[in-house]
Structures are given as C-alpha cells and as structure tokens.
Protein backbone atom coordinates (compact mmCIF):
# COMPACT_ATOMS: atom_id res chain seq x y z
CA UNK A 1 14.28 11.16 9.17
CA UNK A 2 12.67 7.81 8.33
CA UNK A 3 10.01 6.78 10.82
CA UNK A 4 10.20 3.03 10.31
CA UNK A 5 12.46 0.12 9.35
CA UNK A 6 11.29 -2.15 6.54
CA UNK A 7 12.08 -5.36 4.73
CA UNK A 8 10.36 -7.00 1.78
CA UNK A 9 9.90 -10.76 1.58
CA UNK A 10 8.90 -13.05 -1.26
CA UNK A 11 6.47 -15.17 0.74
CA UNK A 12 2.73 -15.62 1.24
CA UNK A 13 1.08 -13.05 3.52
CA UNK A 14 0.14 -15.53 6.28
CA UNK A 15 3.72 -16.81 6.40
CA UNK A 16 5.04 -13.25 6.71
CA UNK A 17 2.68 -12.56 9.64
CA UNK A 18 3.92 -15.68 11.44
CA UNK A 19 7.55 -14.83 10.71
CA UNK A 20 7.04 -11.33 12.12
CA UNK A 21 5.41 -12.70 15.29
CA UNK A 22 8.22 -15.24 15.74
CA UNK A 23 10.92 -12.59 15.26
CA UNK A 24 9.19 -10.30 17.78
CA UNK A 25 8.90 -13.11 20.31
CA UNK A 26 12.57 -14.07 19.89
CA UNK A 27 13.53 -10.48 20.81
CA UNK A 28 11.29 -10.33 23.90
CA UNK A 29 8.18 -8.70 22.43
CA UNK A 30 4.65 -9.91 22.90
CA UNK A 31 1.90 -9.06 20.43
CA UNK A 32 -0.82 -7.30 22.45
CA UNK A 33 -3.04 -6.39 19.52
CA UNK A 34 -3.54 -7.62 15.99
CA UNK A 35 -5.62 -5.50 13.63
CA UNK A 36 -6.79 -6.82 10.27
CA UNK A 37 -6.93 -3.49 8.44
CA UNK A 38 -8.07 -4.99 5.13
CA UNK A 39 -10.87 -6.91 6.88
CA UNK A 40 -11.99 -3.81 8.73
CA UNK A 41 -12.04 -1.71 5.54
CA UNK A 42 -14.09 -4.40 3.83
CA UNK A 43 -16.57 -4.65 6.72
CA UNK A 44 -16.92 -0.93 7.41
CA UNK A 45 -16.42 0.72 4.01
CA UNK A 46 -17.01 -2.16 1.56
CA UNK A 47 -13.55 -1.49 0.12
CA UNK A 48 -11.25 -4.27 -1.04
CA UNK A 49 -7.59 -3.81 -0.35
CA UNK A 50 -4.50 -5.98 -0.19
CA UNK A 51 -3.88 -7.85 3.07
CA UNK A 52 -2.65 -5.45 5.74
CA UNK A 53 -2.11 -6.30 9.40
CA UNK A 54 -0.96 -4.14 12.32
CA UNK A 55 0.76 -5.96 15.18
CA UNK A 56 0.92 -4.01 18.43
CA UNK A 57 4.20 -5.22 19.94
CA UNK A 58 5.34 -4.68 23.52
CA UNK A 59 8.55 -5.37 25.37
CA UNK A 60 7.26 -5.28 28.96
CA UNK A 61 10.50 -4.19 30.65
CA UNK A 62 11.04 -1.39 28.14
CA UNK A 63 7.41 -0.26 28.33
CA UNK A 64 7.67 -0.14 32.12
CA UNK A 65 10.88 1.91 31.96
CA UNK A 66 9.31 4.33 29.48
CA UNK A 67 6.20 4.71 31.66
CA UNK A 68 8.39 5.46 34.70
CA UNK A 69 10.19 8.19 32.76
CA UNK A 70 7.05 9.62 31.14
CA UNK A 71 3.65 8.50 32.49
CA UNK A 72 1.72 9.67 29.40
CA UNK A 73 3.97 7.76 26.99
CA UNK A 74 1.30 5.05 26.99
CA UNK A 75 -0.43 7.15 24.32
CA UNK A 76 2.41 6.07 22.00
CA UNK A 77 2.45 2.39 22.99
CA UNK A 78 2.58 -0.36 21.87
CA UNK A 79 5.17 -0.27 19.09
CA UNK A 80 3.44 -1.00 15.81
CA UNK A 81 4.73 -3.47 13.27
CA UNK A 82 2.89 -3.66 9.97
CA UNK A 83 2.70 -6.56 7.55
CA UNK A 84 1.30 -5.61 4.16
CA UNK A 85 1.08 -7.34 0.84
CA UNK A 86 2.56 -5.15 -1.90
CA UNK A 87 1.98 -7.68 -4.71
CA UNK A 88 0.85 -11.31 -4.75
CA UNK A 89 3.54 -13.27 -2.87
CA UNK A 90 5.45 -10.10 -1.95
CA UNK A 91 5.10 -8.70 1.56
CA UNK A 92 6.64 -5.71 3.31
CA UNK A 93 7.21 -5.78 7.06
CA UNK A 94 7.83 -2.45 8.80
CA UNK A 95 8.44 -1.47 12.42
CA UNK A 96 8.13 1.97 13.93
CA UNK A 97 11.37 3.74 14.84
CA UNK A 98 10.81 4.65 18.50
CA UNK A 99 13.41 7.41 18.36
CA UNK A 100 11.58 9.13 15.51
CA UNK A 101 8.22 8.79 17.23
CA UNK A 102 9.48 9.95 20.63
CA UNK A 103 11.07 13.12 19.27
CA UNK A 104 7.72 14.76 19.92
CA UNK A 105 8.16 14.12 23.65
CA UNK A 106 10.45 16.55 25.45
CA UNK A 107 11.89 14.12 27.97
CA UNK A 108 15.59 13.18 27.83
CA UNK A 109 14.86 10.29 30.22
CA UNK A 110 13.28 8.38 27.33
CA UNK A 111 16.44 8.39 25.22
CA UNK A 112 18.08 5.25 26.57
CA UNK A 113 14.87 3.24 26.40
CA UNK A 114 14.13 4.46 22.87
CA UNK A 115 17.63 3.48 21.69
CA UNK A 116 17.34 0.00 23.21
CA UNK A 117 13.93 -0.58 21.62
CA UNK A 118 15.19 0.81 18.31
CA UNK A 119 18.03 -1.73 18.31
CA UNK A 120 15.60 -4.55 19.11
CA UNK A 121 13.12 -3.57 16.40
CA UNK A 122 15.88 -3.22 13.81
CA UNK A 123 16.97 -6.75 14.74
CA UNK A 124 13.37 -8.00 14.41
CA UNK A 125 13.18 -6.65 10.87
CA UNK A 126 16.56 -8.20 10.01
CA UNK A 127 15.40 -11.53 11.50
CA UNK A 128 12.20 -11.95 9.47
C-alpha cells in the first residue's frame, strides 16, 4: 500500500512551497511546523543536498476528533507534507496517507477521521 500521495511540478522550489501552503490553507490546514531538511543537513553534517522541506500540517477539527478517539495519536501528528526538488525546476510534493499511517493503531474509531483527512490531503495534492 502506498503511504503517500504525490505530484510533480515544473516550478521553482520556493514557488512549490508557497503553492503547497496555499493548497493546505484552502482545505482547512494550518502549517504548524516547517523544517528545512537540506539546511539542517548542511549545518549539522556539512552535506549538500537538494532543497527539501517538511511542512507539518494540521486540520484542527480533525486532530481534535482523532485525539478524542485515541489520546496517544498525537505521536503521529501533524500530517507531514514534503516539498523536495528532484531536479532544477522540478519539484515533487507528497502528503502522508493517514489511512496507511494509522493502520498501526488498533482503534476502529479513527477510521472516519482518517478517511476524511485522506480525502482532504488528496485534494491538496491535486490543487497544487
């Protein structure tokens, strides 16, 4: 089973990041965290890599519902969306599939929330 949804764009990296944020916002997600993976690898390991950003996205009402059904589900939140340059001017945007990630949790009460978030994240990827 695939664990994420992806789309490749022919656009500069910074534009792709902004498009991803806008698509998330339009579907009710806020970006709680933004991790510059390439910058961190450069600073910590002195390794150069292509631009790579992790956006920690959260839909508050869905996160609340998931936490009510499974209090420890916070260990799997927020939903990560990655933006990574695969070649100059070519960027892949991927979002986690919450159904795939929540299969590890034995709680049927999460199913409805996971399906709703899955639909939203698929739409985000289509929208970018």
